[in-house]
C-alpha cells in the first residue's frame, strides 16, 4: 500500500524551528541547506507542500519501529530557486496517519 503523503501532517514548528531554525547545530546546518534552496519560515506551508510532493514521488522504504512504521523517501525536491535537489524525508505512521520526522540532503 502506498502511503498517502498528500494528507501527511507537517507541523509548523518542525519547519520553522527545526528545518529552518537555529535551535541546534543540526538545525543550523539544515537551515543553511534548505534556506539556500529558497525555502523560508514565512512561507512554511509552501515548504511543507514541497516535502509532501517530494515523498509522494520518491523511492520509499519502510520498516516497523517502536514508534510505528518508519517511512524513508529519497528523491528530488523542486526548490523555489528553480533547481531540484535530492533529499531524504523521514515520516512516521503511528496508525493515525503520516507525520514528518525530519528531512536532510540525500
Protein backbone atom coordinates (compact mmCIF):
# COMPACT_ATOMS: atom_id res chain seq x y z
CA UNK A 1 0.00 0.00 0.00
CA UNK A 2 1.36 3.42 -0.99
CA UNK A 3 1.50 5.95 1.86
CA UNK A 4 -0.79 8.98 1.49
CA UNK A 5 1.79 11.75 1.70
CA UNK A 6 -0.67 14.36 0.39
CA UNK A 7 -2.55 14.13 3.70
CA UNK A 8 0.57 13.83 5.88
CA UNK A 9 0.92 16.06 8.93
CA UNK A 10 3.76 18.59 8.75
CA UNK A 11 3.88 20.79 11.84
CA UNK A 12 4.75 24.46 11.51
CA UNK A 13 7.22 24.10 14.39
CA UNK A 14 9.03 21.28 12.57
CA UNK A 15 9.59 23.56 9.58
CA UNK A 16 10.22 26.89 11.32
CA UNK A 17 12.17 25.74 14.40
CA UNK A 18 13.92 22.61 13.15
CA UNK A 19 14.40 22.65 9.37
CA UNK A 20 14.75 26.44 9.01
CA UNK A 21 15.69 27.38 12.58
CA UNK A 22 18.72 27.74 14.78
CA UNK A 23 17.76 25.60 17.78
CA UNK A 24 20.81 23.32 17.44
CA UNK A 25 23.89 22.78 15.29
CA UNK A 26 21.95 20.25 13.19
CA UNK A 27 19.12 22.75 12.73
CA UNK A 28 21.57 25.47 11.67
CA UNK A 29 23.08 23.18 9.01
CA UNK A 30 19.63 22.21 7.73
CA UNK A 31 18.53 25.87 7.74
CA UNK A 32 21.54 26.80 5.60
CA UNK A 33 20.79 23.98 3.17
CA UNK A 34 17.03 24.49 2.86
CA UNK A 35 17.27 28.27 3.11
CA UNK A 36 19.82 28.23 0.30
CA UNK A 37 17.24 26.43 -1.80
CA UNK A 38 14.90 29.39 -1.31
CA UNK A 39 12.60 28.00 1.39
CA UNK A 40 11.70 30.44 4.16
CA UNK A 41 9.92 30.40 7.53
CA UNK A 42 7.37 32.97 6.42
CA UNK A 43 6.33 30.62 3.61
CA UNK A 44 6.50 27.44 5.71
CA UNK A 45 3.32 25.99 4.17
CA UNK A 46 4.93 26.00 0.71
CA UNK A 47 7.90 24.09 2.15
CA UNK A 48 5.53 21.59 3.80
CA UNK A 49 3.73 21.05 0.49
CA UNK A 50 7.04 20.57 -1.33
CA UNK A 51 8.09 17.93 1.23
CA UNK A 52 4.80 16.07 0.75
CA UNK A 53 5.21 16.15 -3.05
CA UNK A 54 8.84 15.00 -2.76
CA UNK A 55 7.84 11.98 -0.68
CA UNK A 56 4.93 11.14 -2.97
CA UNK A 57 7.27 10.90 -5.96
CA UNK A 58 10.32 9.40 -4.24
CA UNK A 59 11.70 5.92 -3.77
CA UNK A 60 10.20 4.76 -0.47
CA UNK A 61 11.28 2.17 2.06
CA UNK A 62 9.54 1.33 5.32
CA UNK A 63 10.13 -0.73 8.43
CA UNK A 64 8.49 -1.24 11.77
CA UNK A 65 9.86 0.68 14.74
CA UNK A 66 8.92 1.10 18.39
CA UNK A 67 7.00 4.28 17.45
CA UNK A 68 5.15 2.94 14.40
CA UNK A 69 6.07 2.38 10.77
CA UNK A 70 9.07 4.46 9.74
CA UNK A 71 8.95 5.54 6.10
CA UNK A 72 12.01 6.92 4.33
CA UNK A 73 11.58 8.70 0.99
CA UNK A 74 14.62 9.64 -1.11
CA UNK A 75 14.25 11.66 -4.26
CA UNK A 76 14.22 15.14 -5.79
CA UNK A 77 12.50 18.20 -4.39
CA UNK A 78 11.64 21.21 -6.52
CA UNK A 79 13.03 24.30 -4.80
CA UNK A 80 11.85 27.92 -5.01
CA UNK A 81 15.20 28.85 -6.59
CA UNK A 82 14.18 26.82 -9.67
CA UNK A 83 16.56 23.92 -9.07
CA UNK A 84 16.00 20.31 -8.00
CA UNK A 85 17.86 18.76 -5.08
CA UNK A 86 17.99 15.17 -3.92
CA UNK A 87 16.83 14.89 -0.33
CA UNK A 88 15.62 12.29 2.12
CA UNK A 89 12.47 12.78 4.16
CA UNK A 90 11.57 10.57 7.11
CA UNK A 91 7.98 10.04 8.17
CA UNK A 92 6.29 8.01 10.90
CA UNK A 93 2.90 6.32 10.72
CA UNK A 94 1.65 5.76 14.25
CA UNK A 95 -1.61 4.29 12.99
CA UNK A 96 -3.40 7.64 12.72
CA UNK A 97 -1.68 8.91 9.56
CA UNK A 98 1.73 10.07 8.49
CA UNK A 99 3.77 12.73 10.27
CA UNK A 100 7.05 14.32 9.14
CA UNK A 101 10.01 13.46 11.37
CA UNK A 102 12.91 15.07 9.51
CA UNK A 103 14.43 15.97 6.17
CA UNK A 104 18.07 16.25 5.06
CA UNK A 105 20.28 16.19 1.97
CA UNK A 106 20.46 12.71 0.45
